[in-house]
């Protein structure tokens, strides 16, 4: 959840150059989504474990988004922030997906 919240506020922490860049909006949306999914996993994993596969995809998007977004003037800090937090989100998402397959109530 903390990685998602950091991704959401990272444009203001790292200091993105423009105020409404596509990367800023992407980080905000993906970060808040990851944080809300983590909150759902923590409170009701039995009902939400089916969505755990989406978190590693969001982490992968956070990693590659600085290079794929049009009209973004990237700096080293922006790229490093997205790559590191994207890797953390991806690893945590893979872990939660693994727990979902371990504790699957339908077995």
PDB file of N, CA and C in Angstrom:
ATOM      1  N   UNK A   1       0.819  -1.183   0.000  1.00  0.00           N
ATOM      2  CA  UNK A   1       0.000   0.000   0.000  1.00  0.00           C
ATOM      3  C   UNK A   1       0.876   1.265   0.000  1.00  0.00           C
ATOM      4  N   UNK A   2       1.966   1.214   0.763  1.00  0.00           N
ATOM      5  CA  UNK A   2       2.845   2.379   0.823  1.00  0.00           C
ATOM      6  C   UNK A   2       3.518   2.661  -0.516  1.00  0.00           C
ATOM      7  N   UNK A   3       3.864   1.613  -1.250  1.00  0.00           N
ATOM      8  CA  UNK A   3       4.475   1.815  -2.565  1.00  0.00           C
ATOM      9  C   UNK A   3       3.483   2.484  -3.515  1.00  0.00           C
ATOM     10  N   UNK A   4       2.226   2.087  -3.448  1.00  0.00           N
ATOM     11  CA  UNK A   4       1.205   2.717  -4.275  1.00  0.00           C
ATOM     12  C   UNK A   4       0.985   4.176  -3.914  1.00  0.00           C
ATOM     13  N   UNK A   5       0.959   4.455  -2.611  1.00  0.00           N
ATOM     14  CA  UNK A   5       0.805   5.845  -2.190  1.00  0.00           C
ATOM     15  C   UNK A   5       2.011   6.688  -2.603  1.00  0.00           C
ATOM     16  N   UNK A   6       3.217   6.098  -2.492  1.00  0.00           N
ATOM     17  CA  UNK A   6       4.399   6.841  -2.934  1.00  0.00           C
ATOM     18  C   UNK A   6       4.332   7.118  -4.435  1.00  0.00           C
ATOM     19  N   UNK A   7       3.916   6.119  -5.224  1.00  0.00           N
ATOM     20  CA  UNK A   7       3.815   6.330  -6.667  1.00  0.00           C
ATOM     21  C   UNK A   7       2.822   7.446  -6.975  1.00  0.00           C
ATOM     22  N   UNK A   8       1.736   7.507  -6.221  1.00  0.00           N
ATOM     23  CA  UNK A   8       0.721   8.540  -6.461  1.00  0.00           C
ATOM     24  C   UNK A   8       1.245   9.943  -6.162  1.00  0.00           C
ATOM     25  N   UNK A   9       2.072  10.082  -5.133  1.00  0.00           N
ATOM     26  CA  UNK A   9       2.556  11.417  -4.768  1.00  0.00           C
ATOM     27  C   UNK A   9       3.968  11.690  -5.275  1.00  0.00           C
ATOM     28  N   UNK A  10       4.574  10.735  -5.959  1.00  0.00           N
ATOM     29  CA  UNK A  10       5.955  10.909  -6.427  1.00  0.00           C
ATOM     30  C   UNK A  10       6.159  12.100  -7.364  1.00  0.00           C
ATOM     31  N   UNK A  11       5.179  12.482  -8.190  1.00  0.00           N
ATOM     32  CA  UNK A  11       5.421  13.675  -9.014  1.00  0.00           C
ATOM     33  C   UNK A  11       5.713  14.921  -8.192  1.00  0.00           C
ATOM     34  N   UNK A  12       5.132  15.029  -7.016  1.00  0.00           N
ATOM     35  CA  UNK A  12       5.370  16.194  -6.177  1.00  0.00           C
ATOM     36  C   UNK A  12       6.618  16.013  -5.302  1.00  0.00           C
ATOM     37  N   UNK A  13       6.966  14.774  -4.983  1.00  0.00           N
ATOM     38  CA  UNK A  13       8.165  14.516  -4.181  1.00  0.00           C
ATOM     39  C   UNK A  13       9.416  14.653  -5.038  1.00  0.00           C
ATOM     40  N   UNK A  14       9.399  14.010  -6.205  1.00  0.00           N
ATOM     41  CA  UNK A  14      10.557  14.037  -7.092  1.00  0.00           C
ATOM     42  C   UNK A  14      10.656  15.370  -7.810  1.00  0.00           C
ATOM     43  N   UNK A  15       9.516  15.991  -8.092  1.00  0.00           N
ATOM     44  CA  UNK A  15       9.508  17.287  -8.761  1.00  0.00           C
ATOM     45  C   UNK A  15       9.471  17.161 -10.270  1.00  0.00           C
ATOM     46  N   UNK A  16       8.353  16.676 -10.797  1.00  0.00           N
ATOM     47  CA  UNK A  16       8.203  16.584 -12.240  1.00  0.00           C
ATOM     48  C   UNK A  16       8.196  17.980 -12.828  1.00  0.00           C
ATOM     49  N   UNK A  17       8.671  18.107 -14.063  1.00  0.00           N
ATOM     50  CA  UNK A  17       8.851  19.424 -14.678  1.00  0.00           C
ATOM     51  C   UNK A  17       7.547  20.141 -14.985  1.00  0.00           C
ATOM     52  N   UNK A  18       6.580  19.435 -15.536  1.00  0.00           N
ATOM     53  CA  UNK A  18       5.312  20.078 -15.900  1.00  0.00           C
ATOM     54  C   UNK A  18       4.237  19.672 -14.907  1.00  0.00           C
ATOM     55  N   UNK A  19       3.216  20.500 -14.801  1.00  0.00           N
ATOM     56  CA  UNK A  19       2.202  20.254 -13.782  1.00  0.00           C
ATOM     57  C   UNK A  19       1.163  19.216 -14.184  1.00  0.00           C
ATOM     58  N   UNK A  20       0.913  19.031 -15.460  1.00  0.00           N
ATOM     59  CA  UNK A  20      -0.113  18.067 -15.870  1.00  0.00           C
ATOM     60  C   UNK A  20       0.427  17.145 -16.954  1.00  0.00           C
ATOM     61  N   UNK A  21       1.605  16.581 -16.738  1.00  0.00           N
ATOM     62  CA  UNK A  21       2.168  15.690 -17.738  1.00  0.00           C
ATOM     63  C   UNK A  21       1.442  14.351 -17.706  1.00  0.00           C
ATOM     64  N   UNK A  22       1.437  13.640 -18.822  1.00  0.00           N
ATOM     65  CA  UNK A  22       0.792  12.333 -18.840  1.00  0.00           C
ATOM     66  C   UNK A  22       1.389  11.360 -17.824  1.00  0.00           C
ATOM     67  N   UNK A  23       2.696  11.466 -17.576  1.00  0.00           N
ATOM     68  CA  UNK A  23       3.326  10.581 -16.602  1.00  0.00           C
ATOM     69  C   UNK A  23       2.833  10.893 -15.190  1.00  0.00           C
ATOM     70  N   UNK A  24       2.606  12.147 -14.885  1.00  0.00           N
ATOM     71  CA  UNK A  24       2.091  12.525 -13.575  1.00  0.00           C
ATOM     72  C   UNK A  24       0.695  11.947 -13.357  1.00  0.00           C
ATOM     73  N   UNK A  25      -0.139  12.056 -14.361  1.00  0.00           N
ATOM     74  CA  UNK A  25      -1.507  11.538 -14.263  1.00  0.00           C
ATOM     75  C   UNK A  25      -1.485  10.018 -14.171  1.00  0.00           C
ATOM     76  N   UNK A  26      -0.625   9.371 -14.954  1.00  0.00           N
ATOM     77  CA  UNK A  26      -0.497   7.914 -14.906  1.00  0.00           C
ATOM     78  C   UNK A  26      -0.042   7.456 -13.529  1.00  0.00           C
ATOM     79  N   UNK A  27       0.977   8.120 -12.966  1.00  0.00           N
ATOM     80  CA  UNK A  27       1.464   7.743 -11.639  1.00  0.00           C
ATOM     81  C   UNK A  27       0.377   7.920 -10.582  1.00  0.00           C
ATOM     82  N   UNK A  28      -0.380   8.982 -10.680  1.00  0.00           N
ATOM     83  CA  UNK A  28      -1.446   9.226  -9.715  1.00  0.00           C
ATOM     84  C   UNK A  28      -2.509   8.133  -9.789  1.00  0.00           C
ATOM     85  N   UNK A  29      -2.959   7.808 -10.986  1.00  0.00           N
ATOM     86  CA  UNK A  29      -4.019   6.805 -11.148  1.00  0.00           C
ATOM     87  C   UNK A  29      -3.525   5.416 -10.754  1.00  0.00           C
ATOM     88  N   UNK A  30      -2.364   5.015 -11.247  1.00  0.00           N
ATOM     89  CA  UNK A  30      -1.836   3.685 -10.931  1.00  0.00           C
ATOM     90  C   UNK A  30      -1.524   3.574  -9.446  1.00  0.00           C
ATOM     91  N   UNK A  31      -0.934   4.615  -8.862  1.00  0.00           N
ATOM     92  CA  UNK A  31      -0.597   4.583  -7.442  1.00  0.00           C
ATOM     93  C   UNK A  31      -1.821   4.454  -6.556  1.00  0.00           C
ATOM     94  N   UNK A  32      -2.857   5.235  -6.832  1.00  0.00           N
ATOM     95  CA  UNK A  32      -4.078   5.143  -6.038  1.00  0.00           C
ATOM     96  C   UNK A  32      -4.767   3.795  -6.229  1.00  0.00           C
ATOM     97  N   UNK A  33      -4.736   3.259  -7.445  1.00  0.00           N
ATOM     98  CA  UNK A  33      -5.326   1.946  -7.690  1.00  0.00           C
ATOM     99  C   UNK A  33      -4.599   0.862  -6.921  1.00  0.00           C
ATOM    100  N   UNK A  34      -3.274   0.889  -6.939  1.00  0.00           N
ATOM    101  CA  UNK A  34      -2.491  -0.100  -6.195  1.00  0.00           C
ATOM    102  C   UNK A  34      -2.772   0.027  -4.694  1.00  0.00           C
ATOM    103  N   UNK A  35      -2.840   1.249  -4.180  1.00  0.00           N
ATOM    104  CA  UNK A  35      -3.112   1.449  -2.755  1.00  0.00           C
ATOM    105  C   UNK A  35      -4.496   0.924  -2.374  1.00  0.00           C
ATOM    106  N   UNK A  36      -5.499   1.179  -3.203  1.00  0.00           N
ATOM    107  CA  UNK A  36      -6.845   0.676  -2.913  1.00  0.00           C
ATOM    108  C   UNK A  36      -6.911  -0.841  -3.006  1.00  0.00           C
ATOM    109  N   UNK A  37      -6.227  -1.417  -3.994  1.00  0.00           N
ATOM    110  CA  UNK A  37      -6.196  -2.879  -4.082  1.00  0.00           C
ATOM    111  C   UNK A  37      -5.486  -3.479  -2.873  1.00  0.00           C
ATOM    112  N   UNK A  38      -4.400  -2.873  -2.431  1.00  0.00           N
ATOM    113  CA  UNK A  38      -3.689  -3.376  -1.250  1.00  0.00           C
ATOM    114  C   UNK A  38      -4.569  -3.287  -0.013  1.00  0.00           C
ATOM    115  N   UNK A  39      -5.343  -2.232   0.090  1.00  0.00           N
ATOM    116  CA  UNK A  39      -6.273  -2.111   1.206  1.00  0.00           C
ATOM    117  C   UNK A  39      -7.319  -3.221   1.152  1.00  0.00           C
ATOM    118  N   UNK A  40      -7.805  -3.516  -0.041  1.00  0.00           N
ATOM    119  CA  UNK A  40      -8.755  -4.617  -0.203  1.00  0.00           C
ATOM    120  C   UNK A  40      -8.133  -5.966   0.103  1.00  0.00           C
ATOM    121  N   UNK A  41      -6.882  -6.167  -0.312  1.00  0.00           N
ATOM    122  CA  UNK A  41      -6.200  -7.430  -0.017  1.00  0.00           C
ATOM    123  C   UNK A  41      -6.003  -7.590   1.486  1.00  0.00           C
ATOM    124  N   UNK A  42      -5.687  -6.503   2.171  1.00  0.00           N
ATOM    125  CA  UNK A  42      -5.435  -6.576   3.606  1.00  0.00           C
ATOM    126  C   UNK A  42      -6.715  -6.824   4.399  1.00  0.00           C
ATOM    127  N   UNK A  43      -7.820  -6.283   3.930  1.00  0.00           N
ATOM    128  CA  UNK A  43      -9.048  -6.406   4.712  1.00  0.00           C
ATOM    129  C   UNK A  43      -9.901  -7.614   4.322  1.00  0.00           C
ATOM    130  N   UNK A  44      -9.874  -8.028   3.072  1.00  0.00           N
ATOM    131  CA  UNK A  44     -10.733  -9.134   2.638  1.00  0.00           C
ATOM    132  C   UNK A  44     -10.040  -9.928   1.533  1.00  0.00           C
ATOM    133  N   UNK A  45      -8.909 -10.556   1.855  1.00  0.00           N
ATOM    134  CA  UNK A  45      -8.144 -11.248   0.823  1.00  0.00           C
ATOM    135  C   UNK A  45      -8.922 -12.416   0.230  1.00  0.00           C
ATOM    136  N   UNK A  46      -9.759 -13.047   1.006  1.00  0.00           N
ATOM    137  CA  UNK A  46     -10.543 -14.171   0.499  1.00  0.00           C
ATOM    138  C   UNK A  46     -11.462 -13.785  -0.646  1.00  0.00           C
ATOM    139  N   UNK A  47     -11.927 -12.548  -0.632  1.00  0.00           N
ATOM    140  CA  UNK A  47     -12.820 -12.092  -1.693  1.00  0.00           C
ATOM    141  C   UNK A  47     -12.102 -11.356  -2.809  1.00  0.00           C
ATOM    142  N   UNK A  48     -10.900 -10.832  -2.532  1.00  0.00           N
ATOM    143  CA  UNK A  48     -10.226  -9.998  -3.523  1.00  0.00           C
ATOM    144  C   UNK A  48      -8.993 -10.642  -4.137  1.00  0.00           C
ATOM    145  N   UNK A  49      -8.646 -11.877  -3.745  1.00  0.00           N
ATOM    146  CA  UNK A  49      -7.415 -12.472  -4.260  1.00  0.00           C
ATOM    147  C   UNK A  49      -7.450 -12.695  -5.766  1.00  0.00           C
ATOM    148  N   UNK A  50      -8.619 -12.707  -6.361  1.00  0.00           N
ATOM    149  CA  UNK A  50      -8.731 -12.867  -7.805  1.00  0.00           C
ATOM    150  C   UNK A  50      -8.203 -11.669  -8.585  1.00  0.00           C
ATOM    151  N   UNK A  51      -8.063 -10.530  -7.928  1.00  0.00           N
ATOM    152  CA  UNK A  51      -7.542  -9.332  -8.584  1.00  0.00           C
ATOM    153  C   UNK A  51      -6.044  -9.159  -8.400  1.00  0.00           C
ATOM    154  N   UNK A  52      -5.410 -10.053  -7.666  1.00  0.00           N
ATOM    155  CA  UNK A  52      -3.992  -9.898  -7.340  1.00  0.00           C
ATOM    156  C   UNK A  52      -3.105  -9.927  -8.585  1.00  0.00           C
ATOM    157  N   UNK A  53      -3.533 -10.550  -9.650  1.00  0.00           N
ATOM    158  CA  UNK A  53      -2.717 -10.627 -10.861  1.00  0.00           C
ATOM    159  C   UNK A  53      -2.559  -9.270 -11.542  1.00  0.00           C
ATOM    160  N   UNK A  54      -3.428  -8.311 -11.236  1.00  0.00           N
ATOM    161  CA  UNK A  54      -3.329  -7.005 -11.873  1.00  0.00           C
ATOM    162  C   UNK A  54      -2.210  -6.145 -11.292  1.00  0.00           C
ATOM    163  N   UNK A  55      -1.823  -6.391 -10.055  1.00  0.00           N
ATOM    164  CA  UNK A  55      -0.820  -5.546  -9.403  1.00  0.00           C
ATOM    165  C   UNK A  55       0.557  -5.670 -10.067  1.00  0.00           C
ATOM    166  N   UNK A  56       1.047  -6.885 -10.396  1.00  0.00           N
ATOM    167  CA  UNK A  56       2.333  -6.929 -11.107  1.00  0.00           C
ATOM    168  C   UNK A  56       2.302  -6.222 -12.460  1.00  0.00           C
ATOM    169  N   UNK A  57       1.156  -6.246 -13.130  1.00  0.00           N
ATOM    170  CA  UNK A  57       1.040  -5.530 -14.401  1.00  0.00           C
ATOM    171  C   UNK A  57       1.132  -4.021 -14.197  1.00  0.00           C
ATOM    172  N   UNK A  58       0.552  -3.537 -13.114  1.00  0.00           N
ATOM    173  CA  UNK A  58       0.648  -2.111 -12.816  1.00  0.00           C
ATOM    174  C   UNK A  58       2.079  -1.729 -12.453  1.00  0.00           C
ATOM    175  N   UNK A  59       2.782  -2.622 -11.766  1.00  0.00           N
ATOM    176  CA  UNK A  59       4.189  -2.377 -11.461  1.00  0.00           C
ATOM    177  C   UNK A  59       5.029  -2.325 -12.725  1.00  0.00           C
ATOM    178  N   UNK A  60       4.745  -3.246 -13.652  1.00  0.00           N
ATOM    179  CA  UNK A  60       5.466  -3.245 -14.925  1.00  0.00           C
ATOM    180  C   UNK A  60       5.178  -1.964 -15.705  1.00  0.00           C
ATOM    181  N   UNK A  61       3.934  -1.499 -15.667  1.00  0.00           N
ATOM    182  CA  UNK A  61       3.596  -0.247 -16.343  1.00  0.00           C
ATOM    183  C   UNK A  61       4.348   0.924 -15.722  1.00  0.00           C
ATOM    184  N   UNK A  62       4.448   0.934 -14.396  1.00  0.00           N
ATOM    185  CA  UNK A  62       5.179   2.023 -13.732  1.00  0.00           C
ATOM    186  C   UNK A  62       6.641   2.026 -14.151  1.00  0.00           C
ATOM    187  N   UNK A  63       7.213   0.852 -14.397  1.00  0.00           N
ATOM    188  CA  UNK A  63       8.618   0.767 -14.812  1.00  0.00           C
ATOM    189  C   UNK A  63       8.814   1.325 -16.213  1.00  0.00           C
ATOM    190  N   UNK A  64       7.968   0.941 -17.152  1.00  0.00           N
ATOM    191  CA  UNK A  64       8.192   1.313 -18.556  1.00  0.00           C
ATOM    192  C   UNK A  64       7.509   2.615 -18.965  1.00  0.00           C
ATOM    193  N   UNK A  65       6.627   3.149 -18.138  1.00  0.00           N
ATOM    194  CA  UNK A  65       5.867   4.334 -18.538  1.00  0.00           C
ATOM    195  C   UNK A  65       6.712   5.571 -18.823  1.00  0.00           C
ATOM    196  N   UNK A  66       7.845   5.814 -18.148  1.00  0.00           N
ATOM    197  CA  UNK A  66       8.605   7.017 -18.520  1.00  0.00           C
ATOM    198  C   UNK A  66       9.083   7.014 -19.970  1.00  0.00           C
ATOM    199  N   UNK A  67       9.292   5.842 -20.536  1.00  0.00           N
ATOM    200  CA  UNK A  67       9.764   5.757 -21.923  1.00  0.00           C
ATOM    201  C   UNK A  67       8.625   5.668 -22.925  1.00  0.00           C
ATOM    202  N   UNK A  68       7.438   5.253 -22.485  1.00  0.00           N
ATOM    203  CA  UNK A  68       6.332   5.054 -23.420  1.00  0.00           C
ATOM    204  C   UNK A  68       5.369   6.235 -23.513  1.00  0.00           C
ATOM    205  N   UNK A  69       5.403   7.137 -22.553  1.00  0.00           N
ATOM    206  CA  UNK A  69       4.472   8.265 -22.565  1.00  0.00           C
ATOM    207  C   UNK A  69       4.973   9.346 -23.517  1.00  0.00           C
ATOM    208  N   UNK A  70       4.068   9.892 -24.304  1.00  0.00           N
ATOM    209  CA  UNK A  70       4.412  10.974 -25.228  1.00  0.00           C
ATOM    210  C   UNK A  70       4.397  12.314 -24.503  1.00  0.00           C
ATOM    211  N   UNK A  71       5.286  13.204 -24.892  1.00  0.00           N
ATOM    212  CA  UNK A  71       5.303  14.553 -24.361  1.00  0.00           C
ATOM    213  C   UNK A  71       5.828  14.673 -22.951  1.00  0.00           C
ATOM    214  N   UNK A  72       6.682  13.742 -22.536  1.00  0.00           N
ATOM    215  CA  UNK A  72       7.219  13.784 -21.180  1.00  0.00           C
ATOM    216  C   UNK A  72       8.715  14.056 -21.259  1.00  0.00           C
ATOM    217  N   UNK A  73       9.141  15.085 -20.571  1.00  0.00           N
ATOM    218  CA  UNK A  73      10.560  15.405 -20.440  1.00  0.00           C
ATOM    219  C   UNK A  73      11.077  14.700 -19.197  1.00  0.00           C
ATOM    220  N   UNK A  74      11.677  13.539 -19.357  1.00  0.00           N
ATOM    221  CA  UNK A  74      12.081  12.763 -18.194  1.00  0.00           C
ATOM    222  C   UNK A  74      13.446  13.194 -17.682  1.00  0.00           C
ATOM    223  N   UNK A  75      13.608  13.085 -16.374  1.00  0.00           N
ATOM    224  CA  UNK A  75      14.893  13.321 -15.738  1.00  0.00           C
ATOM    225  C   UNK A  75      15.343  12.008 -15.101  1.00  0.00           C
ATOM    226  N   UNK A  76      16.568  11.978 -14.641  1.00  0.00           N
ATOM    227  CA  UNK A  76      17.081  10.770 -14.004  1.00  0.00           C
ATOM    228  C   UNK A  76      16.315  10.409 -12.744  1.00  0.00           C
ATOM    229  N   UNK A  77      15.913  11.431 -11.989  1.00  0.00           N
ATOM    230  CA  UNK A  77      15.149  11.184 -10.771  1.00  0.00           C
ATOM    231  C   UNK A  77      13.781  10.599 -11.046  1.00  0.00           C
ATOM    232  N   UNK A  78      13.132  11.078 -12.098  1.00  0.00           N
ATOM    233  CA  UNK A  78      11.819  10.548 -12.461  1.00  0.00           C
ATOM    234  C   UNK A  78      11.922   9.094 -12.876  1.00  0.00           C
ATOM    235  N   UNK A  79      12.916   8.792 -13.698  1.00  0.00           N
ATOM    236  CA  UNK A  79      13.087   7.416 -14.176  1.00  0.00           C
ATOM    237  C   UNK A  79      13.448   6.495 -13.017  1.00  0.00           C
ATOM    238  N   UNK A  80      14.395   6.912 -12.175  1.00  0.00           N
ATOM    239  CA  UNK A  80      14.802   6.069 -11.044  1.00  0.00           C
ATOM    240  C   UNK A  80      13.642   5.831 -10.086  1.00  0.00           C
ATOM    241  N   UNK A  81      12.873   6.873  -9.815  1.00  0.00           N
ATOM    242  CA  UNK A  81      11.730   6.730  -8.914  1.00  0.00           C
ATOM    243  C   UNK A  81      10.719   5.736  -9.468  1.00  0.00           C
ATOM    244  N   UNK A  82      10.370   5.878 -10.747  1.00  0.00           N
ATOM    245  CA  UNK A  82       9.390   4.972 -11.335  1.00  0.00           C
ATOM    246  C   UNK A  82       9.911   3.538 -11.416  1.00  0.00           C
ATOM    247  N   UNK A  83      11.178   3.361 -11.769  1.00  0.00           N
ATOM    248  CA  UNK A  83      11.717   2.004 -11.891  1.00  0.00           C
ATOM    249  C   UNK A  83      11.770   1.322 -10.527  1.00  0.00           C
ATOM    250  N   UNK A  84      12.228   2.031  -9.506  1.00  0.00           N
ATOM    251  CA  UNK A  84      12.347   1.412  -8.183  1.00  0.00           C
ATOM    252  C   UNK A  84      10.981   1.091  -7.591  1.00  0.00           C
ATOM    253  N   UNK A  85      10.077   2.056  -7.599  1.00  0.00           N
ATOM    254  CA  UNK A  85       8.765   1.801  -7.011  1.00  0.00           C
ATOM    255  C   UNK A  85       7.967   0.809  -7.871  1.00  0.00           C
ATOM    256  N   UNK A  86       8.166   0.815  -9.184  1.00  0.00           N
ATOM    257  CA  UNK A  86       7.511  -0.171 -10.037  1.00  0.00           C
ATOM    258  C   UNK A  86       7.996  -1.574  -9.741  1.00  0.00           C
ATOM    259  N   UNK A  87       9.295  -1.739  -9.493  1.00  0.00           N
ATOM    260  CA  UNK A  87       9.835  -3.057  -9.138  1.00  0.00           C
ATOM    261  C   UNK A  87       9.292  -3.515  -7.790  1.00  0.00           C
ATOM    262  N   UNK A  88       9.191  -2.602  -6.830  1.00  0.00           N
ATOM    263  CA  UNK A  88       8.633  -2.957  -5.521  1.00  0.00           C
ATOM    264  C   UNK A  88       7.178  -3.381  -5.658  1.00  0.00           C
ATOM    265  N   UNK A  89       6.405  -2.631  -6.428  1.00  0.00           N
ATOM    266  CA  UNK A  89       4.995  -2.975  -6.643  1.00  0.00           C
ATOM    267  C   UNK A  89       4.882  -4.320  -7.349  1.00  0.00           C
ATOM    268  N   UNK A  90       5.737  -4.552  -8.337  1.00  0.00           N
ATOM    269  CA  UNK A  90       5.691  -5.813  -9.065  1.00  0.00           C
ATOM    270  C   UNK A  90       6.009  -6.993  -8.137  1.00  0.00           C
ATOM    271  N   UNK A  91       7.040  -6.859  -7.322  1.00  0.00           N
ATOM    272  CA  UNK A  91       7.408  -7.950  -6.406  1.00  0.00           C
ATOM    273  C   UNK A  91       6.317  -8.188  -5.360  1.00  0.00           C
ATOM    274  N   UNK A  92       5.758  -7.125  -4.818  1.00  0.00           N
ATOM    275  CA  UNK A  92       4.667  -7.294  -3.854  1.00  0.00           C
ATOM    276  C   UNK A  92       3.435  -7.906  -4.518  1.00  0.00           C
ATOM    277  N   UNK A  93       3.163  -7.513  -5.740  1.00  0.00           N
ATOM    278  CA  UNK A  93       2.032  -8.094  -6.468  1.00  0.00           C
ATOM    279  C   UNK A  93       2.233  -9.559  -6.774  1.00  0.00           C
ATOM    280  N   UNK A  94       3.466  -9.929  -7.129  1.00  0.00           N
ATOM    281  CA  UNK A  94       3.747 -11.348  -7.357  1.00  0.00           C
ATOM    282  C   UNK A  94       3.603 -12.144  -6.066  1.00  0.00           C
ATOM    283  N   UNK A  95       4.018 -11.537  -4.946  1.00  0.00           N
ATOM    284  CA  UNK A  95       3.851 -12.193  -3.655  1.00  0.00           C
ATOM    285  C   UNK A  95       2.393 -12.393  -3.296  1.00  0.00           C
ATOM    286  N   UNK A  96       1.575 -11.372  -3.520  1.00  0.00           N
ATOM    287  CA  UNK A  96       0.155 -11.511  -3.204  1.00  0.00           C
ATOM    288  C   UNK A  96      -0.529 -12.480  -4.163  1.00  0.00           C
ATOM    289  N   UNK A  97      -0.075 -12.548  -5.407  1.00  0.00           N
ATOM    290  CA  UNK A  97      -0.619 -13.540  -6.331  1.00  0.00           C
ATOM    291  C   UNK A  97      -0.257 -14.947  -5.875  1.00  0.00           C
ATOM    292  N   UNK A  98       0.973 -15.092  -5.367  1.00  0.00           N
ATOM    293  CA  UNK A  98       1.389 -16.390  -4.843  1.00  0.00           C
ATOM    294  C   UNK A  98       0.569 -16.816  -3.651  1.00  0.00           C
ATOM    295  N   UNK A  99       0.263 -15.875  -2.756  1.00  0.00           N
ATOM    296  CA  UNK A  99      -0.593 -16.202  -1.623  1.00  0.00           C
ATOM    297  C   UNK A  99      -1.995 -16.552  -2.090  1.00  0.00           C
ATOM    298  N   UNK A 100      -2.430 -15.923  -3.156  1.00  0.00           N
ATOM    299  CA  UNK A 100      -3.760 -16.239  -3.689  1.00  0.00           C
ATOM    300  C   UNK A 100      -3.858 -17.660  -4.203  1.00  0.00           C
ATOM    301  N   UNK A 101      -2.783 -18.160  -4.779  1.00  0.00           N
ATOM    302  CA  UNK A 101      -2.806 -19.540  -5.256  1.00  0.00           C
ATOM    303  C   UNK A 101      -2.570 -20.524  -4.120  1.00  0.00           C
ATOM    304  N   UNK A 102      -1.830 -20.106  -3.093  1.00  0.00           N
ATOM    305  CA  UNK A 102      -1.589 -20.970  -1.938  1.00  0.00           C
ATOM    306  C   UNK A 102      -2.855 -21.197  -1.117  1.00  0.00           C
ATOM    307  N   UNK A 103      -3.579 -20.135  -0.873  1.00  0.00           N
ATOM    308  CA  UNK A 103      -4.752 -20.188  -0.001  1.00  0.00           C
ATOM    309  C   UNK A 103      -6.047 -20.105  -0.782  1.00  0.00           C
ATOM    310  N   UNK A 104      -6.076 -20.697  -1.948  1.00  0.00           N
ATOM    311  CA  UNK A 104      -7.269 -20.668  -2.778  1.00  0.00           C
ATOM    312  C   UNK A 104      -8.359 -21.514  -2.127  1.00  0.00           C
ATOM    313  N   UNK A 105      -9.492 -20.915  -1.766  1.00  0.00           N
ATOM    314  CA  UNK A 105     -10.551 -21.679  -1.089  1.00  0.00           C
ATOM    315  C   UNK A 105     -11.286 -22.626  -2.025  1.00  0.00           C
ATOM    316  N   UNK A 106     -11.056 -22.552  -3.315  1.00  0.00           N
ATOM    317  CA  UNK A 106     -11.782 -23.415  -4.260  1.00  0.00           C
ATOM    318  C   UNK A 106     -11.088 -24.738  -4.508  1.00  0.00           C
ATOM    319  N   UNK A 107      -9.988 -25.003  -3.817  1.00  0.00           N
ATOM    320  CA  UNK A 107      -9.299 -26.291  -4.017  1.00  0.00           C
ATOM    321  C   UNK A 107      -9.986 -27.393  -3.299  1.00  0.00           C
TER     322      UNK A 107
END
